[in-house]
Amino acid sequence: MGRVGRTLLGIAAIVLVAGLSAQERPLPNRQQFFDATRANLERSQSRQAQYAYRERRRELHTNPFGRLGSGTGTEEFEVTPLPEGGVSRTLVARDGQPVKGGETTRSRPRARTSKRSAVADTADALDLVLDHRERVNGREVIVVTFTPRPGAQPESREGRLARLFHGKIFVDELDAEVVRVEATAIDDITYGLGVVARVNRGATVTLVRERVDADTWLPTSIRLSGDGRAMLLRKLRVDHLIEWFDYRRAPSARAD
């Protein structure tokens, strides 16, 4: 073996050792990591009401989250927080074309029956496992797997819904922020006690979160795909995408 060959082997050995060292680097302390991530989610949830944003809904097939009916278009809304709570939503575009004088609707915040936050209630309804570390878009993320926790009795709507899924949560290790959730339904998801719509087991949900300003992360998209039925009889093929973008502080928003 010549000098070049020995040099290449040496380089390969260094790269291999470096790679093994990176793989063997221990995962962060479970409780500390979960506590930091939960605190960040709680803070982001409380700040959500301080932002106006655009919302785009794309109904590729049939949408059980609201009106039932087929469609392939998009609708875009301007969403603004209201001083008394809740938001106003104004239709501003349809299928990429501006809409003048679009309808405005106002919604109040949903009354909560639980004294616990939705984040805490959901986390306690799941078994969470620090699984492995990987790189996404040049940053290290911790992949957390989740399954329903046996015997858990969540109080919130979010917690009860979470128990219908298993999947993975990708958490930015440096910022302790959830960047992506990939979930698969392990049971049917029903609306209106199953009379309005039912999405079958095996449906997938993907949620993406991104940094929207210096220290706030918020959801930027969610997609639901699967099969089901509407009105007990009519088959559904659901492929529903909602995107949130152009986040900006509302004029009336107060800092934390």
Protein backbone atom coordinates (compact mmCIF):
# COMPACT_ATOMS: atom_id res chain seq x y z
CA MET A 1 0.00 0.00 0.00
CA GLY A 2 1.44 3.35 -1.00
CA ARG A 3 1.57 6.61 0.91
CA VAL A 4 -1.67 7.85 -0.71
CA GLY A 5 -3.48 4.68 0.28
CA ARG A 6 -2.29 4.92 3.89
CA THR A 7 -3.30 8.58 4.00
CA LEU A 8 -6.80 7.80 2.73
CA LEU A 9 -7.18 5.01 5.27
CA GLY A 10 -6.09 7.38 8.00
CA ILE A 11 -8.65 9.96 6.93
CA ALA A 12 -11.33 7.28 6.77
CA ALA A 13 -10.46 6.12 10.27
CA ILE A 14 -10.69 9.66 11.64
CA VAL A 15 -14.07 10.18 9.97
CA LEU A 16 -15.34 6.85 11.28
CA VAL A 17 -14.23 7.54 14.83
CA ALA A 18 -15.79 11.02 14.69
CA GLY A 19 -19.03 9.54 13.39
CA LEU A 20 -19.12 6.88 16.10
CA SER A 21 -18.41 9.51 18.76
CA ALA A 22 -21.29 11.65 17.51
CA GLN A 23 -23.62 8.66 17.51
CA GLU A 24 -22.56 7.67 21.01
CA ARG A 25 -23.09 11.13 22.44
CA PRO A 26 -25.71 10.61 25.12
CA LEU A 27 -29.18 12.01 24.70
CA PRO A 28 -30.12 14.91 26.98
CA ASN A 29 -31.57 14.36 30.42
CA ARG A 30 -35.13 13.22 29.78
CA GLN A 31 -36.94 15.20 32.46
CA GLN A 32 -34.99 18.42 31.92
CA PHE A 33 -35.50 18.22 28.16
CA PHE A 34 -39.22 17.54 28.48
CA ASP A 35 -39.65 20.32 31.05
CA ALA A 36 -37.93 22.85 28.78
CA THR A 37 -39.93 21.77 25.73
CA ARG A 38 -43.21 21.87 27.64
CA ALA A 39 -42.43 25.34 29.00
CA ASN A 40 -41.73 26.60 25.48
CA LEU A 41 -44.98 25.12 24.17
CA GLU A 42 -46.90 26.74 27.04
CA ARG A 43 -45.30 30.12 26.29
CA SER A 44 -46.01 29.85 22.55
CA GLN A 45 -49.61 28.90 23.21
CA SER A 46 -50.09 31.95 25.42
CA ARG A 47 -48.49 34.20 22.77
CA GLN A 48 -50.59 32.88 19.90
CA ALA A 49 -53.33 35.42 20.66
CA GLN A 50 -50.85 38.28 20.17
CA TYR A 51 -50.41 37.59 16.46
CA ALA A 52 -52.39 38.34 13.33
CA TYR A 53 -51.69 36.03 10.41
CA ARG A 54 -52.90 34.61 7.11
CA GLU A 55 -54.60 31.22 6.93
CA ARG A 56 -54.84 29.18 3.75
CA ARG A 57 -57.09 26.13 3.53
CA ARG A 58 -56.77 23.68 0.71
CA GLU A 59 -59.48 21.09 0.30
CA LEU A 60 -58.12 18.49 -2.06
CA HIS A 61 -61.08 16.18 -1.60
CA THR A 62 -63.72 16.23 1.12
CA ASN A 63 -63.35 18.17 4.34
CA PRO A 64 -65.02 16.78 7.47
CA PHE A 65 -63.81 19.73 9.56
CA GLY A 66 -66.78 21.95 8.80
CA ARG A 67 -68.90 21.81 5.71
CA LEU A 68 -69.16 18.52 3.87
CA GLY A 69 -68.73 18.61 0.14
CA SER A 70 -66.05 17.97 -2.43
CA GLY A 71 -63.68 20.63 -3.65
CA THR A 72 -60.19 21.17 -4.96
CA GLY A 73 -59.75 24.89 -4.37
CA THR A 74 -58.15 27.10 -1.77
CA GLU A 75 -59.48 29.78 0.52
CA GLU A 76 -57.31 32.36 2.25
CA PHE A 77 -58.29 34.33 5.33
CA GLU A 78 -56.91 37.30 7.26
CA VAL A 79 -57.06 36.34 10.94
CA THR A 80 -56.89 39.02 13.63
CA PRO A 81 -57.09 38.58 17.41
CA LEU A 82 -59.95 40.41 19.16
CA PRO A 83 -59.34 42.47 22.32
CA GLU A 84 -61.99 40.47 24.21
CA GLY A 85 -60.52 37.16 23.10
CA GLY A 86 -61.15 35.02 20.06
CA VAL A 87 -60.42 36.05 16.49
CA SER A 88 -62.01 37.57 13.41
CA ARG A 89 -61.55 35.76 10.10
CA THR A 90 -62.07 37.59 6.80
CA LEU A 91 -62.06 35.83 3.44
CA VAL A 92 -59.48 37.64 1.27
CA ALA A 93 -58.77 35.21 -1.59
CA ARG A 94 -60.22 32.17 -3.30
CA ASP A 95 -58.19 29.94 -5.63
CA GLY A 96 -55.42 32.55 -5.61
CA GLN A 97 -57.67 35.43 -6.68
CA PRO A 98 -58.43 38.38 -4.36
CA VAL A 99 -61.94 38.57 -2.93
CA LYS A 100 -63.43 42.00 -2.32
CA GLY A 101 -65.85 42.40 0.54
CA GLY A 102 -65.24 38.88 1.79
CA GLU A 103 -67.35 37.63 4.68
CA THR A 104 -66.01 38.20 8.18
CA THR A 105 -66.79 35.81 11.01
CA ARG A 106 -65.91 36.11 14.67
CA SER A 107 -65.25 33.28 17.06
CA ARG A 108 -64.91 33.24 20.81
CA PRO A 109 -62.23 31.23 22.60
CA ARG A 110 -63.44 27.76 23.54
CA ALA A 111 -64.46 27.51 27.17
CA ARG A 112 -62.13 25.24 29.08
CA THR A 113 -63.46 22.84 31.68
CA SER A 114 -60.02 21.74 32.86
CA LYS A 115 -57.83 23.78 35.19
CA ARG A 116 -54.77 22.22 33.59
CA SER A 117 -53.29 23.52 30.39
CA ALA A 118 -53.88 21.60 27.18
CA VAL A 119 -50.11 21.10 26.82
CA ALA A 120 -49.72 19.52 30.26
CA ASP A 121 -52.86 17.42 29.90
CA THR A 122 -51.80 16.11 26.49
CA ALA A 123 -48.25 15.32 27.62
CA ASP A 124 -49.53 13.35 30.60
CA ALA A 125 -51.86 11.36 28.35
CA LEU A 126 -48.90 9.96 26.38
CA ASP A 127 -45.89 7.76 26.94
CA LEU A 128 -42.96 9.82 25.63
CA VAL A 129 -39.59 8.24 24.86
CA LEU A 130 -36.36 9.99 23.86
CA ASP A 131 -35.51 7.76 20.89
CA HIS A 132 -32.55 9.13 18.94
CA ARG A 133 -30.81 12.21 17.59
CA GLU A 134 -30.69 13.22 13.91
CA ARG A 135 -30.03 16.29 11.78
CA VAL A 136 -32.82 18.21 10.04
CA ASN A 137 -32.02 21.25 7.90
CA GLY A 138 -28.55 21.41 9.40
CA ARG A 139 -29.74 21.40 13.02
CA GLU A 140 -29.76 18.57 15.53
CA VAL A 141 -33.17 17.36 16.64
CA ILE A 142 -34.22 14.83 19.23
CA VAL A 143 -36.81 12.36 17.97
CA VAL A 144 -39.39 11.56 20.65
CA THR A 145 -41.76 8.65 20.08
CA PHE A 146 -45.21 8.70 21.64
CA THR A 147 -48.00 6.23 22.31
CA PRO A 148 -51.17 6.53 24.44
CA ARG A 149 -50.43 6.02 28.12
CA PRO A 150 -52.45 3.10 29.53
CA GLY A 151 -54.95 4.22 32.12
CA ALA A 152 -54.55 7.95 31.39
CA GLN A 153 -57.74 9.98 31.70
CA PRO A 154 -57.11 13.36 30.06
CA GLU A 155 -59.46 16.20 30.93
CA SER A 156 -59.02 18.33 27.82
CA ARG A 157 -60.29 17.82 24.28
CA GLU A 158 -56.69 17.96 23.06
CA GLY A 159 -55.60 15.26 25.48
CA ARG A 160 -58.45 12.94 24.55
CA LEU A 161 -57.72 13.41 20.85
CA ALA A 162 -54.00 12.75 21.35
CA ARG A 163 -54.80 9.30 22.74
CA LEU A 164 -56.06 8.28 19.30
CA PHE A 165 -52.55 8.53 17.84
CA HIS A 166 -49.01 7.24 17.99
CA GLY A 167 -46.04 8.75 16.21
CA LYS A 168 -42.93 10.90 16.45
CA ILE A 169 -42.16 14.40 17.70
CA PHE A 170 -39.07 16.16 16.33
CA VAL A 171 -37.66 18.65 18.84
CA ASP A 172 -34.90 21.14 18.04
CA GLU A 173 -32.27 20.20 20.62
CA LEU A 174 -30.71 23.64 21.05
CA ASP A 175 -33.97 25.58 21.34
CA ALA A 176 -36.10 22.79 22.91
CA GLU A 177 -38.85 23.63 20.40
CA VAL A 178 -41.11 21.19 18.61
CA VAL A 179 -40.49 21.53 14.87
CA ARG A 180 -42.58 18.66 13.52
CA VAL A 181 -45.09 16.04 14.64
CA GLU A 182 -45.91 12.94 12.57
CA ALA A 183 -48.86 10.97 13.89
CA THR A 184 -50.91 7.98 12.76
CA ALA A 185 -54.41 7.27 14.08
CA ILE A 186 -54.72 3.97 15.95
CA ASP A 187 -58.49 4.33 16.16
CA ASP A 188 -61.28 5.98 14.18
CA ILE A 189 -61.70 9.74 14.57
CA THR A 190 -65.36 10.72 14.78
CA TYR A 191 -67.24 14.00 14.42
CA GLY A 192 -70.80 14.46 15.61
CA LEU A 193 -70.70 11.04 17.35
CA GLY A 194 -69.78 9.48 14.04
CA VAL A 195 -72.93 10.69 12.31
CA VAL A 196 -71.37 13.77 10.67
CA ALA A 197 -68.09 12.12 9.69
CA ARG A 198 -65.68 9.37 10.59
CA VAL A 199 -62.01 9.20 9.56
CA ASN A 200 -60.68 5.68 9.71
CA ARG A 201 -57.80 4.27 11.69
CA GLY A 202 -54.55 4.70 9.79
CA ALA A 203 -55.15 8.36 8.91
CA THR A 204 -52.01 10.48 9.19
CA VAL A 205 -51.51 13.97 10.60
CA THR A 206 -48.39 16.09 10.09
CA LEU A 207 -47.90 19.33 12.02
CA VAL A 208 -45.05 21.77 11.32
CA ARG A 209 -43.88 24.58 13.62
CA GLU A 210 -41.38 27.32 12.81
CA ARG A 211 -39.81 30.35 14.42
CA VAL A 212 -41.97 33.39 13.57
CA ASP A 213 -39.87 36.02 15.35
CA ALA A 214 -36.81 36.22 17.57
CA ASP A 215 -38.12 33.98 20.36
CA THR A 216 -41.52 32.62 19.34
CA TRP A 217 -42.36 29.42 17.51
CA LEU A 218 -45.87 28.82 16.15
CA PRO A 219 -47.61 26.28 13.89
CA THR A 220 -47.20 26.90 10.16
CA SER A 221 -49.07 23.93 8.68
CA ILE A 222 -51.13 20.85 9.46
CA ARG A 223 -52.19 18.13 7.07
CA LEU A 224 -54.70 15.32 7.56
CA SER A 225 -54.86 12.44 5.08
CA GLY A 226 -56.99 9.33 5.26
CA ASP A 227 -60.20 7.53 4.39
CA GLY A 228 -63.55 7.63 6.11
CA ARG A 229 -67.28 8.12 5.75
CA ALA A 230 -69.69 11.05 5.90
CA MET A 231 -73.27 10.81 7.11
CA LEU A 232 -72.61 7.10 7.88
CA LEU A 233 -72.76 6.09 4.21
CA ARG A 234 -70.80 8.29 1.82
CA LYS A 235 -67.13 7.37 1.50
CA LEU A 236 -64.54 10.08 2.09
CA ARG A 237 -60.99 10.50 0.88
CA VAL A 238 -59.64 13.22 3.11
CA ASP A 239 -56.58 15.23 2.16
CA HIS A 240 -56.90 18.51 4.00
CA LEU A 241 -54.13 21.09 4.38
CA ILE A 242 -54.15 24.26 6.48
CA GLU A 243 -51.23 26.69 6.35
CA TRP A 244 -50.55 29.67 8.63
CA PHE A 245 -48.13 32.35 7.47
CA ASP A 246 -47.31 36.08 7.54
CA TYR A 247 -47.37 36.13 11.35
CA ARG A 248 -47.07 39.62 12.78
CA ARG A 249 -47.75 41.23 16.12
CA ALA A 250 -51.27 42.61 16.33
CA PRO A 251 -51.38 46.36 17.10
CA SER A 252 -53.32 45.75 20.31
CA ALA A 253 -51.13 42.86 21.50
CA ARG A 254 -49.43 43.21 24.82
CA ALA A 255 -45.97 41.83 25.49
CA ASP A 256 -45.59 38.99 27.99
